[in-house]
Amino acid sequence: MRRRTPPPPSPLPQREGVDAVRVRLPAGGPWATVREHLAERLAADAGVVDGMFDAGLVVGADGRAVPPDAAYVPGMFVWFHRELPAEVPVPFPLEVVHRDEHIVVVDKPHFLATTPRGSHVTETALARLRRELGLPTLGAAHRLDRLTAGLVLFTVRPAERGAYQSLFRDRRVGKEYEAVAPYDPGLALPRTVRSRIVKERGVLAAREVPGEPNAVSRVELIEHRAADGLARYRLVPATGQTHQLRVHMNALGVPLLGDPLYPEVTGPVPAGDFRRPLQLLARTLEFTDPVTGAEHRFRSARTLTAWSRPSEWAGG
């Protein structure tokens, strides 16, 4: 099997902890120049693309500016920085739980995206850590939803990233979550929930459909409180479908507090609205280090507001 040649390194430095965009020109196509292709690919106003070329912001592998009339060459790489969007700072600390020469494990707050995407770019865990720790090569081994708090694993060396990502792909990571939701005395727990979940592109909420299960979650009751009818649950996913735990808890009739999608879509949560965080926390992360062989077990020190500070939660 022929090995794919890795792309050349970026000739542009990061900006605010964010990598430059890399574009590889595809084979074939009607474009006569690099500019024509980028104008179509970025779906941007022609003046914006012309401005990028005129300012020398589009560069080749040698770091030199690509002229606007440069001929289209299939397989050519170009780089540029997108204009960084204005973002509302997420005013919660990103706690480092563990750091060594191979990995960084952090305790992510609610409302902070894991990696740059869409309108969340510099206000992400990855960009913040690159800036704060001075580690430009840092990369994410997996992701947590922006609304979910808890443990996230990052890798220090790009050459080792695949080894750590394979832990999650091959389900060799022990993960436990904690959640706060209504208490239902008629709900028999513990139980294992199995269903088929699909998430369509462009649709906010995932849904369960008939068919072979692709999502498996263990749901356990930790404790419940008569005063407000809430309970604390331990959730152990055996698979990793999008919104799996949220979908399964909703299907059991006990949707998570603060969830803007289940049972009813009221979101997305606007940037800057930090009043009612989703009551879901990635509590533990356990795995055998694929590089060093060390046995790791990490535990989040965070608490869920609806349980630890109910009056604060009730007041929004």
C-alpha atoms as a PDB file:
ATOM      1  CA  MET A   1       0.000   0.000   0.000  1.00  0.00           C
ATOM      2  CA  ARG A   2       1.423   3.353  -1.040  1.00  0.00           C
ATOM      3  CA  ARG A   3       2.070   5.776   1.807  1.00  0.00           C
ATOM      4  CA  ARG A   4       0.600   9.231   1.456  1.00  0.00           C
ATOM      5  CA  THR A   5       3.214  11.978   1.445  1.00  0.00           C
ATOM      6  CA  PRO A   6       2.684  14.269   4.447  1.00  0.00           C
ATOM      7  CA  PRO A   7       1.994  17.933   3.647  1.00  0.00           C
ATOM      8  CA  PRO A   8       4.857  20.407   4.080  1.00  0.00           C
ATOM      9  CA  PRO A   9       4.984  22.363   7.351  1.00  0.00           C
ATOM     10  CA  SER A  10       3.155  25.660   7.529  1.00  0.00           C
ATOM     11  CA  PRO A  11       5.363  28.611   6.560  1.00  0.00           C
ATOM     12  CA  LEU A  12       3.133  30.912   8.638  1.00  0.00           C
ATOM     13  CA  PRO A  13       3.309  31.146  12.435  1.00  0.00           C
ATOM     14  CA  GLN A  14       0.198  30.683  14.526  1.00  0.00           C
ATOM     15  CA  ARG A  15      -1.918  33.691  15.339  1.00  0.00           C
ATOM     16  CA  GLU A  16      -3.424  33.782  18.849  1.00  0.00           C
ATOM     17  CA  GLY A  17      -2.772  30.053  19.097  1.00  0.00           C
ATOM     18  CA  VAL A  18      -4.625  29.345  15.837  1.00  0.00           C
ATOM     19  CA  ASP A  19      -2.993  27.635  12.847  1.00  0.00           C
ATOM     20  CA  ALA A  20      -3.044  29.153   9.396  1.00  0.00           C
ATOM     21  CA  VAL A  21      -5.531  27.598   6.972  1.00  0.00           C
ATOM     22  CA  ARG A  22      -3.874  25.112   4.602  1.00  0.00           C
ATOM     23  CA  VAL A  23      -5.409  24.500   1.173  1.00  0.00           C
ATOM     24  CA  ARG A  24      -4.269  21.823  -1.262  1.00  0.00           C
ATOM     25  CA  LEU A  25      -5.345  22.568  -4.816  1.00  0.00           C
ATOM     26  CA  PRO A  26      -7.319  19.567  -6.124  1.00  0.00           C
ATOM     27  CA  ALA A  27      -6.624  17.746  -9.353  1.00  0.00           C
ATOM     28  CA  GLY A  28      -8.641  18.956 -12.307  1.00  0.00           C
ATOM     29  CA  GLY A  29     -11.132  21.788 -12.326  1.00  0.00           C
ATOM     30  CA  PRO A  30     -11.883  24.878 -14.418  1.00  0.00           C
ATOM     31  CA  TRP A  31      -9.624  27.314 -12.565  1.00  0.00           C
ATOM     32  CA  ALA A  32      -6.844  29.096 -14.434  1.00  0.00           C
ATOM     33  CA  THR A  33      -5.335  30.752 -11.337  1.00  0.00           C
ATOM     34  CA  VAL A  34      -4.966  30.088  -7.627  1.00  0.00           C
ATOM     35  CA  ARG A  35      -7.035  33.200  -6.968  1.00  0.00           C
ATOM     36  CA  GLU A  36     -10.001  31.854  -8.976  1.00  0.00           C
ATOM     37  CA  HIS A  37     -10.011  28.624  -6.980  1.00  0.00           C
ATOM     38  CA  LEU A  38      -9.840  30.355  -3.584  1.00  0.00           C
ATOM     39  CA  ALA A  39     -12.610  32.778  -4.526  1.00  0.00           C
ATOM     40  CA  GLU A  40     -14.890  29.830  -5.312  1.00  0.00           C
ATOM     41  CA  ARG A  41     -13.761  27.630  -2.428  1.00  0.00           C
ATOM     42  CA  LEU A  42     -14.081  30.289   0.242  1.00  0.00           C
ATOM     43  CA  ALA A  43     -17.389  31.566  -1.145  1.00  0.00           C
ATOM     44  CA  ALA A  44     -16.113  35.017  -0.266  1.00  0.00           C
ATOM     45  CA  ASP A  45     -16.646  38.370  -1.897  1.00  0.00           C
ATOM     46  CA  ALA A  46     -14.172  38.845  -4.743  1.00  0.00           C
ATOM     47  CA  GLY A  47     -12.891  42.011  -3.088  1.00  0.00           C
ATOM     48  CA  VAL A  48     -12.001  40.073   0.063  1.00  0.00           C
ATOM     49  CA  VAL A  49      -9.967  37.503  -1.857  1.00  0.00           C
ATOM     50  CA  ASP A  50      -8.305  40.202  -3.977  1.00  0.00           C
ATOM     51  CA  GLY A  51      -7.408  42.058  -0.792  1.00  0.00           C
ATOM     52  CA  MET A  52      -5.744  38.928   0.621  1.00  0.00           C
ATOM     53  CA  PHE A  53      -3.588  38.547  -2.482  1.00  0.00           C
ATOM     54  CA  ASP A  54      -2.805  42.259  -2.744  1.00  0.00           C
ATOM     55  CA  ALA A  55      -1.639  42.271   0.889  1.00  0.00           C
ATOM     56  CA  GLY A  56       0.561  39.206   0.345  1.00  0.00           C
ATOM     57  CA  LEU A  57      -1.458  37.139   2.839  1.00  0.00           C
ATOM     58  CA  VAL A  58      -1.637  34.005   0.673  1.00  0.00           C
ATOM     59  CA  VAL A  59       1.700  32.199   0.679  1.00  0.00           C
ATOM     60  CA  GLY A  60       3.208  29.064  -0.778  1.00  0.00           C
ATOM     61  CA  ALA A  61       5.331  26.374   0.871  1.00  0.00           C
ATOM     62  CA  ASP A  62       8.414  28.615   0.618  1.00  0.00           C
ATOM     63  CA  GLY A  63       6.682  31.355   2.626  1.00  0.00           C
ATOM     64  CA  ARG A  64       6.583  33.740  -0.317  1.00  0.00           C
ATOM     65  CA  ALA A  65       3.411  35.583  -1.283  1.00  0.00           C
ATOM     66  CA  VAL A  66       1.468  33.977  -4.122  1.00  0.00           C
ATOM     67  CA  PRO A  67       0.662  36.587  -6.819  1.00  0.00           C
ATOM     68  CA  PRO A  68      -2.986  36.913  -7.846  1.00  0.00           C
ATOM     69  CA  ASP A  69      -2.216  35.758 -11.381  1.00  0.00           C
ATOM     70  CA  ALA A  70      -0.269  32.647 -10.252  1.00  0.00           C
ATOM     71  CA  ALA A  71      -1.174  29.692 -12.446  1.00  0.00           C
ATOM     72  CA  TYR A  72      -3.303  26.941 -10.944  1.00  0.00           C
ATOM     73  CA  VAL A  73      -1.127  23.877 -10.237  1.00  0.00           C
ATOM     74  CA  PRO A  74      -2.940  20.727  -9.003  1.00  0.00           C
ATOM     75  CA  GLY A  75      -1.472  19.488  -5.717  1.00  0.00           C
ATOM     76  CA  MET A  76       0.007  22.862  -4.786  1.00  0.00           C
ATOM     77  CA  PHE A  77      -0.339  23.945  -1.144  1.00  0.00           C
ATOM     78  CA  VAL A  78      -1.132  27.490  -0.062  1.00  0.00           C
ATOM     79  CA  TRP A  79      -1.630  28.967   3.399  1.00  0.00           C
ATOM     80  CA  PHE A  80      -3.363  32.030   4.803  1.00  0.00           C
ATOM     81  CA  HIS A  81      -4.888  33.265   8.051  1.00  0.00           C
ATOM     82  CA  ARG A  82      -8.608  33.880   8.211  1.00  0.00           C
ATOM     83  CA  GLU A  83      -9.760  37.068   9.846  1.00  0.00           C
ATOM     84  CA  LEU A  84     -10.292  36.148  13.494  1.00  0.00           C
ATOM     85  CA  PRO A  85     -13.909  36.668  14.581  1.00  0.00           C
ATOM     86  CA  ALA A  86     -14.779  38.893  17.532  1.00  0.00           C
ATOM     87  CA  GLU A  87     -15.478  36.540  20.434  1.00  0.00           C
ATOM     88  CA  VAL A  88     -16.922  36.938  23.898  1.00  0.00           C
ATOM     89  CA  PRO A  89     -14.262  35.712  26.374  1.00  0.00           C
ATOM     90  CA  VAL A  90     -15.268  32.647  28.379  1.00  0.00           C
ATOM     91  CA  PRO A  91     -14.601  33.889  31.937  1.00  0.00           C
ATOM     92  CA  PHE A  92     -13.752  30.544  33.540  1.00  0.00           C
ATOM     93  CA  PRO A  93     -10.329  29.020  34.206  1.00  0.00           C
ATOM     94  CA  LEU A  94      -8.904  26.129  32.211  1.00  0.00           C
ATOM     95  CA  GLU A  95      -7.227  23.964  34.853  1.00  0.00           C
ATOM     96  CA  VAL A  96      -4.196  21.822  33.953  1.00  0.00           C
ATOM     97  CA  VAL A  97      -4.571  18.464  35.703  1.00  0.00           C
ATOM     98  CA  HIS A  98      -1.459  16.796  34.296  1.00  0.00           C
ATOM     99  CA  ARG A  99       1.427  17.801  32.068  1.00  0.00           C
ATOM    100  CA  ASP A 100       4.461  15.888  30.876  1.00  0.00           C
ATOM    101  CA  GLU A 101       6.576  15.802  27.709  1.00  0.00           C
ATOM    102  CA  HIS A 102       3.909  13.796  25.851  1.00  0.00           C
ATOM    103  CA  ILE A 103       0.460  14.899  27.032  1.00  0.00           C
ATOM    104  CA  VAL A 104      -1.495  17.659  28.737  1.00  0.00           C
ATOM    105  CA  VAL A 105      -4.768  16.848  30.509  1.00  0.00           C
ATOM    106  CA  VAL A 106      -7.040  19.763  31.360  1.00  0.00           C
ATOM    107  CA  ASP A 107     -10.279  20.263  33.246  1.00  0.00           C
ATOM    108  CA  LYS A 108     -12.348  22.248  30.736  1.00  0.00           C
ATOM    109  CA  PRO A 109     -15.086  24.628  31.888  1.00  0.00           C
ATOM    110  CA  HIS A 110     -18.576  24.767  30.434  1.00  0.00           C
ATOM    111  CA  PHE A 111     -19.039  27.015  27.374  1.00  0.00           C
ATOM    112  CA  LEU A 112     -15.448  26.640  26.111  1.00  0.00           C
ATOM    113  CA  ALA A 113     -15.113  24.761  22.810  1.00  0.00           C
ATOM    114  CA  THR A 114     -12.313  22.195  22.607  1.00  0.00           C
ATOM    115  CA  THR A 115     -10.898  23.163  19.195  1.00  0.00           C
ATOM    116  CA  PRO A 116     -11.416  26.057  16.744  1.00  0.00           C
ATOM    117  CA  ARG A 117     -14.581  25.712  14.726  1.00  0.00           C
ATOM    118  CA  GLY A 118     -17.142  28.123  13.316  1.00  0.00           C
ATOM    119  CA  SER A 119     -17.455  31.246  15.451  1.00  0.00           C
ATOM    120  CA  HIS A 120     -15.360  29.768  18.292  1.00  0.00           C
ATOM    121  CA  VAL A 121     -11.692  30.160  17.366  1.00  0.00           C
ATOM    122  CA  THR A 122      -9.428  31.929  19.866  1.00  0.00           C
ATOM    123  CA  GLU A 123     -11.845  31.224  22.742  1.00  0.00           C
ATOM    124  CA  THR A 124     -11.189  27.482  22.629  1.00  0.00           C
ATOM    125  CA  ALA A 125      -9.281  25.185  24.929  1.00  0.00           C
ATOM    126  CA  LEU A 126      -6.674  24.392  22.262  1.00  0.00           C
ATOM    127  CA  ALA A 127      -5.909  28.004  21.332  1.00  0.00           C
ATOM    128  CA  ARG A 128      -5.824  29.076  24.975  1.00  0.00           C
ATOM    129  CA  LEU A 129      -3.448  26.286  25.979  1.00  0.00           C
ATOM    130  CA  ARG A 130      -1.096  26.959  23.082  1.00  0.00           C
ATOM    131  CA  ARG A 131      -0.852  30.568  24.206  1.00  0.00           C
ATOM    132  CA  GLU A 132      -0.734  30.005  27.958  1.00  0.00           C
ATOM    133  CA  LEU A 133       1.657  27.037  27.962  1.00  0.00           C
ATOM    134  CA  GLY A 134       3.795  28.147  25.031  1.00  0.00           C
ATOM    135  CA  LEU A 135       3.155  24.875  23.177  1.00  0.00           C
ATOM    136  CA  PRO A 136       2.391  25.700  19.523  1.00  0.00           C
ATOM    137  CA  THR A 137       2.429  22.005  18.510  1.00  0.00           C
ATOM    138  CA  LEU A 138      -0.278  21.049  21.018  1.00  0.00           C
ATOM    139  CA  GLY A 139      -3.170  19.098  19.495  1.00  0.00           C
ATOM    140  CA  ALA A 140      -6.417  17.564  20.741  1.00  0.00           C
ATOM    141  CA  ALA A 141      -6.636  13.772  21.049  1.00  0.00           C
ATOM    142  CA  HIS A 142     -10.453  13.959  21.312  1.00  0.00           C
ATOM    143  CA  ARG A 143     -13.194  16.527  21.925  1.00  0.00           C
ATOM    144  CA  LEU A 144     -15.878  17.490  24.381  1.00  0.00           C
ATOM    145  CA  ASP A 145     -18.945  19.473  23.395  1.00  0.00           C
ATOM    146  CA  ARG A 146     -18.642  23.196  24.102  1.00  0.00           C
ATOM    147  CA  LEU A 147     -21.425  22.946  26.700  1.00  0.00           C
ATOM    148  CA  THR A 148     -19.910  19.941  28.506  1.00  0.00           C
ATOM    149  CA  ALA A 149     -17.269  20.462  31.202  1.00  0.00           C
ATOM    150  CA  GLY A 150     -14.526  18.087  32.288  1.00  0.00           C
ATOM    151  CA  LEU A 151     -11.396  16.250  31.265  1.00  0.00           C
ATOM    152  CA  VAL A 152      -9.807  16.591  27.837  1.00  0.00           C
ATOM    153  CA  LEU A 153      -6.557  15.028  26.624  1.00  0.00           C
ATOM    154  CA  PHE A 154      -4.107  16.969  24.432  1.00  0.00           C
ATOM    155  CA  THR A 155      -0.867  15.769  22.873  1.00  0.00           C
ATOM    156  CA  VAL A 156       2.419  17.688  22.844  1.00  0.00           C
ATOM    157  CA  ARG A 157       4.187  16.046  19.901  1.00  0.00           C
ATOM    158  CA  PRO A 158       2.435  15.852  16.508  1.00  0.00           C
ATOM    159  CA  ALA A 159       4.191  12.561  15.688  1.00  0.00           C
ATOM    160  CA  GLU A 160       2.562  10.937  18.732  1.00  0.00           C
ATOM    161  CA  ARG A 161      -0.944  12.331  18.259  1.00  0.00           C
ATOM    162  CA  GLY A 162      -2.182   9.369  16.233  1.00  0.00           C
ATOM    163  CA  ALA A 163      -1.231   6.933  18.992  1.00  0.00           C
ATOM    164  CA  TYR A 164      -3.357   8.797  21.538  1.00  0.00           C
ATOM    165  CA  GLN A 165      -6.243   9.378  19.129  1.00  0.00           C
ATOM    166  CA  SER A 166      -6.344   5.631  18.463  1.00  0.00           C
ATOM    167  CA  LEU A 167      -7.099   5.050  22.150  1.00  0.00           C
ATOM    168  CA  PHE A 168     -10.433   6.799  21.693  1.00  0.00           C
ATOM    169  CA  ARG A 169     -11.091   5.316  18.264  1.00  0.00           C
ATOM    170  CA  ASP A 170     -10.491   1.793  19.558  1.00  0.00           C
ATOM    171  CA  ARG A 171     -12.426   2.409  22.802  1.00  0.00           C
ATOM    172  CA  ARG A 172      -9.425   1.779  25.023  1.00  0.00           C
ATOM    173  CA  VAL A 173     -10.188   4.750  27.273  1.00  0.00           C
ATOM    174  CA  GLY A 174     -12.291   4.418  30.415  1.00  0.00           C
ATOM    175  CA  LYS A 175     -14.635   7.417  30.682  1.00  0.00           C
ATOM    176  CA  GLU A 176     -17.194   8.288  33.319  1.00  0.00           C
ATOM    177  CA  TYR A 177     -19.505  11.283  33.287  1.00  0.00           C
ATOM    178  CA  GLU A 178     -21.601  12.873  35.993  1.00  0.00           C
ATOM    179  CA  ALA A 179     -24.944  14.549  35.373  1.00  0.00           C
ATOM    180  CA  VAL A 180     -27.777  16.265  37.199  1.00  0.00           C
ATOM    181  CA  ALA A 181     -31.330  15.620  36.039  1.00  0.00           C
ATOM    182  CA  PRO A 182     -34.801  15.114  37.539  1.00  0.00           C
ATOM    183  CA  TYR A 183     -35.327  12.139  39.846  1.00  0.00           C
ATOM    184  CA  ASP A 184     -37.882   9.569  38.769  1.00  0.00           C
ATOM    185  CA  PRO A 185     -38.611   6.974  41.485  1.00  0.00           C
ATOM    186  CA  GLY A 186     -40.217   4.738  38.861  1.00  0.00           C
ATOM    187  CA  LEU A 187     -37.076   4.563  36.739  1.00  0.00           C
ATOM    188  CA  ALA A 188     -35.257   1.303  37.452  1.00  0.00           C
ATOM    189  CA  LEU A 189     -31.511   1.880  37.720  1.00  0.00           C
ATOM    190  CA  PRO A 190     -28.802   0.889  37.048  1.00  0.00           C
ATOM    191  CA  ARG A 191     -29.476  -0.041  33.444  1.00  0.00           C
ATOM    192  CA  THR A 192     -27.735  -0.153  30.086  1.00  0.00           C
ATOM    193  CA  VAL A 193     -29.369   1.831  27.307  1.00  0.00           C
ATOM    194  CA  ARG A 194     -28.882   0.713  23.717  1.00  0.00           C
ATOM    195  CA  SER A 195     -30.234   2.525  20.654  1.00  0.00           C
ATOM    196  CA  ARG A 196     -29.386   3.753  17.194  1.00  0.00           C
ATOM    197  CA  ILE A 197     -28.575   7.478  17.097  1.00  0.00           C
ATOM    198  CA  VAL A 198     -28.184   9.589  13.962  1.00  0.00           C
ATOM    199  CA  LYS A 199     -26.982  13.180  13.737  1.00  0.00           C
ATOM    200  CA  GLU A 200     -27.660  14.947  10.455  1.00  0.00           C
ATOM    201  CA  ARG A 201     -25.381  17.700   9.230  1.00  0.00           C
ATOM    202  CA  GLY A 202     -26.919  21.119   9.796  1.00  0.00           C
ATOM    203  CA  VAL A 203     -29.459  19.817  12.333  1.00  0.00           C
ATOM    204  CA  LEU A 204     -28.753  20.789  15.948  1.00  0.00           C
ATOM    205  CA  ALA A 205     -30.243  17.759  17.700  1.00  0.00           C
ATOM    206  CA  ALA A 206     -29.466  14.085  17.190  1.00  0.00           C
ATOM    207  CA  ARG A 207     -32.282  11.535  17.229  1.00  0.00           C
ATOM    208  CA  GLU A 208     -32.947   7.872  17.840  1.00  0.00           C
ATOM    209  CA  VAL A 209     -34.109   5.757  14.899  1.00  0.00           C
ATOM    210  CA  PRO A 210     -35.005   2.092  14.437  1.00  0.00           C
ATOM    211  CA  GLY A 211     -32.155  -0.233  13.592  1.00  0.00           C
ATOM    212  CA  GLU A 212     -29.037  -1.887  14.920  1.00  0.00           C
ATOM    213  CA  PRO A 213     -27.829  -0.051  18.064  1.00  0.00           C
ATOM    214  CA  ASN A 214     -24.730   2.079  17.623  1.00  0.00           C
ATOM    215  CA  ALA A 215     -24.906   3.812  21.013  1.00  0.00           C
ATOM    216  CA  VAL A 216     -24.546   2.109  24.397  1.00  0.00           C
ATOM    217  CA  SER A 217     -24.612   3.880  27.780  1.00  0.00           C
ATOM    218  CA  ARG A 218     -24.618   2.644  31.366  1.00  0.00           C
ATOM    219  CA  VAL A 219     -26.794   4.814  33.631  1.00  0.00           C
ATOM    220  CA  GLU A 220     -26.498   4.662  37.426  1.00  0.00           C
ATOM    221  CA  LEU A 221     -28.121   6.669  40.209  1.00  0.00           C
ATOM    222  CA  ILE A 222     -25.595   8.156  42.644  1.00  0.00           C
ATOM    223  CA  GLU A 223     -28.014   9.983  44.937  1.00  0.00           C
ATOM    224  CA  HIS A 224     -31.224  11.988  44.866  1.00  0.00           C
ATOM    225  CA  ARG A 225     -32.582  14.942  46.761  1.00  0.00           C
ATOM    226  CA  ALA A 226     -36.178  15.268  47.905  1.00  0.00           C
ATOM    227  CA  ALA A 227     -35.991  19.039  48.377  1.00  0.00           C
ATOM    228  CA  ASP A 228     -35.946  19.843  44.664  1.00  0.00           C
ATOM    229  CA  GLY A 229     -36.609  16.474  43.037  1.00  0.00           C
ATOM    230  CA  LEU A 230     -33.172  16.275  41.435  1.00  0.00           C
ATOM    231  CA  ALA A 231     -30.711  13.415  41.211  1.00  0.00           C
ATOM    232  CA  ARG A 232     -27.037  12.940  40.468  1.00  0.00           C
ATOM    233  CA  TYR A 233     -26.203  10.239  37.930  1.00  0.00           C
ATOM    234  CA  ARG A 234     -23.101   8.367  36.823  1.00  0.00           C
ATOM    235  CA  LEU A 235     -23.025   7.831  33.051  1.00  0.00           C
ATOM    236  CA  VAL A 236     -20.598   5.431  31.400  1.00  0.00           C
ATOM    237  CA  PRO A 237     -20.610   5.485  27.576  1.00  0.00           C
ATOM    238  CA  ALA A 238     -19.370   2.379  25.766  1.00  0.00           C
ATOM    239  CA  THR A 239     -19.613   4.176  22.412  1.00  0.00           C
ATOM    240  CA  GLY A 240     -19.131   7.758  21.284  1.00  0.00           C
ATOM    241  CA  GLN A 241     -22.078   8.956  19.208  1.00  0.00           C
ATOM    242  CA  THR A 242     -22.768  12.688  19.071  1.00  0.00           C
ATOM    243  CA  HIS A 243     -24.848  13.814  22.097  1.00  0.00           C
ATOM    244  CA  GLN A 244     -25.209  10.160  23.108  1.00  0.00           C
ATOM    245  CA  LEU A 245     -25.590  10.668  26.863  1.00  0.00           C
ATOM    246  CA  ARG A 246     -27.953  13.594  26.415  1.00  0.00           C
ATOM    247  CA  VAL A 247     -30.131  11.630  23.994  1.00  0.00           C
ATOM    248  CA  HIS A 248     -30.234   8.557  26.227  1.00  0.00           C
ATOM    249  CA  MET A 249     -31.104  10.488  29.383  1.00  0.00           C
ATOM    250  CA  ASN A 250     -33.861  12.302  27.510  1.00  0.00           C
ATOM    251  CA  ALA A 251     -35.199   8.974  26.222  1.00  0.00           C
ATOM    252  CA  LEU A 252     -35.396   7.742  29.831  1.00  0.00           C
ATOM    253  CA  GLY A 253     -37.582  10.724  30.698  1.00  0.00           C
ATOM    254  CA  VAL A 254     -34.923  12.520  32.769  1.00  0.00           C
ATOM    255  CA  PRO A 255     -33.313  15.112  30.438  1.00  0.00           C
ATOM    256  CA  LEU A 256     -30.216  16.865  31.736  1.00  0.00           C
ATOM    257  CA  LEU A 257     -30.685  20.235  33.383  1.00  0.00           C
ATOM    258  CA  GLY A 258     -29.572  23.147  31.214  1.00  0.00           C
ATOM    259  CA  ASP A 259     -29.837  21.191  27.962  1.00  0.00           C
ATOM    260  CA  PRO A 260     -30.869  23.532  25.108  1.00  0.00           C
ATOM    261  CA  LEU A 261     -31.590  20.661  22.683  1.00  0.00           C
ATOM    262  CA  TYR A 262     -33.320  17.853  24.582  1.00  0.00           C
ATOM    263  CA  PRO A 263     -36.215  17.372  24.964  1.00  0.00           C
ATOM    264  CA  GLU A 264     -36.899  20.622  23.092  1.00  0.00           C
ATOM    265  CA  VAL A 265     -34.597  22.642  20.856  1.00  0.00           C
ATOM    266  CA  THR A 266     -34.262  26.113  22.367  1.00  0.00           C
ATOM    267  CA  GLY A 267     -30.616  26.734  21.434  1.00  0.00           C
ATOM    268  CA  PRO A 268     -27.914  27.175  20.468  1.00  0.00           C
ATOM    269  CA  VAL A 269     -26.838  28.971  23.615  1.00  0.00           C
ATOM    270  CA  PRO A 270     -25.843  32.530  22.612  1.00  0.00           C
ATOM    271  CA  ALA A 271     -22.222  33.566  23.117  1.00  0.00           C
ATOM    272  CA  GLY A 272     -21.898  35.361  26.430  1.00  0.00           C
ATOM    273  CA  ASP A 273     -24.856  33.616  28.085  1.00  0.00           C
ATOM    274  CA  PHE A 274     -23.214  31.711  30.946  1.00  0.00           C
ATOM    275  CA  ARG A 275     -26.237  31.502  33.266  1.00  0.00           C
ATOM    276  CA  ARG A 276     -27.368  27.886  33.012  1.00  0.00           C
ATOM    277  CA  PRO A 277     -24.557  25.497  32.046  1.00  0.00           C
ATOM    278  CA  LEU A 278     -25.473  22.043  30.838  1.00  0.00           C
ATOM    279  CA  GLN A 279     -25.281  19.781  33.896  1.00  0.00           C
ATOM    280  CA  LEU A 280     -22.896  17.266  32.354  1.00  0.00           C
ATOM    281  CA  LEU A 281     -19.308  16.697  33.452  1.00  0.00           C
ATOM    282  CA  ALA A 282     -16.611  14.372  32.088  1.00  0.00           C
ATOM    283  CA  ARG A 283     -15.551  13.210  35.535  1.00  0.00           C
ATOM    284  CA  THR A 284     -12.843  10.576  34.928  1.00  0.00           C
ATOM    285  CA  LEU A 285     -10.427   9.552  32.195  1.00  0.00           C
ATOM    286  CA  GLU A 286      -8.439   6.325  32.448  1.00  0.00           C
ATOM    287  CA  PHE A 287      -6.037   4.712  29.956  1.00  0.00           C
ATOM    288  CA  THR A 288      -2.681   3.047  29.427  1.00  0.00           C
ATOM    289  CA  ASP A 289      -0.290   5.534  27.851  1.00  0.00           C
ATOM    290  CA  PRO A 290       0.525   4.198  24.342  1.00  0.00           C
ATOM    291  CA  VAL A 291       3.934   5.911  24.350  1.00  0.00           C
ATOM    292  CA  THR A 292       5.254   5.444  27.895  1.00  0.00           C
ATOM    293  CA  GLY A 293       3.166   2.478  29.076  1.00  0.00           C
ATOM    294  CA  ALA A 294       2.151   4.388  32.226  1.00  0.00           C
ATOM    295  CA  GLU A 295      -1.267   3.754  33.745  1.00  0.00           C
ATOM    296  CA  HIS A 296      -3.189   7.045  33.932  1.00  0.00           C
ATOM    297  CA  ARG A 297      -6.345   7.866  35.873  1.00  0.00           C
ATOM    298  CA  PHE A 298      -7.489  11.461  36.080  1.00  0.00           C
ATOM    299  CA  ARG A 299     -10.455  12.950  37.914  1.00  0.00           C
ATOM    300  CA  SER A 300     -12.129  16.306  37.434  1.00  0.00           C
ATOM    301  CA  ALA A 301     -12.346  18.531  40.505  1.00  0.00           C
ATOM    302  CA  ARG A 302     -15.330  20.455  39.151  1.00  0.00           C
ATOM    303  CA  THR A 303     -18.835  20.279  40.556  1.00  0.00           C
ATOM    304  CA  LEU A 304     -22.185  20.700  38.841  1.00  0.00           C
ATOM    305  CA  THR A 305     -23.893  23.890  39.975  1.00  0.00           C
ATOM    306  CA  ALA A 306     -27.435  22.515  40.165  1.00  0.00           C
ATOM    307  CA  TRP A 307     -26.228  19.997  42.744  1.00  0.00           C
ATOM    308  CA  SER A 308     -23.462  21.771  44.667  1.00  0.00           C
ATOM    309  CA  ARG A 309     -25.041  25.258  44.701  1.00  0.00           C
ATOM    310  CA  PRO A 310     -28.761  24.789  44.056  1.00  0.00           C
ATOM    311  CA  SER A 311     -29.753  28.301  45.091  1.00  0.00           C
ATOM    312  CA  GLU A 312     -27.268  29.747  42.598  1.00  0.00           C
ATOM    313  CA  TRP A 313     -28.643  27.486  39.889  1.00  0.00           C
ATOM    314  CA  ALA A 314     -32.239  28.403  40.736  1.00  0.00           C
ATOM    315  CA  GLY A 315     -31.366  32.091  40.507  1.00  0.00           C
ATOM    316  CA  GLY A 316     -29.787  31.670  37.079  1.00  0.00           C
END
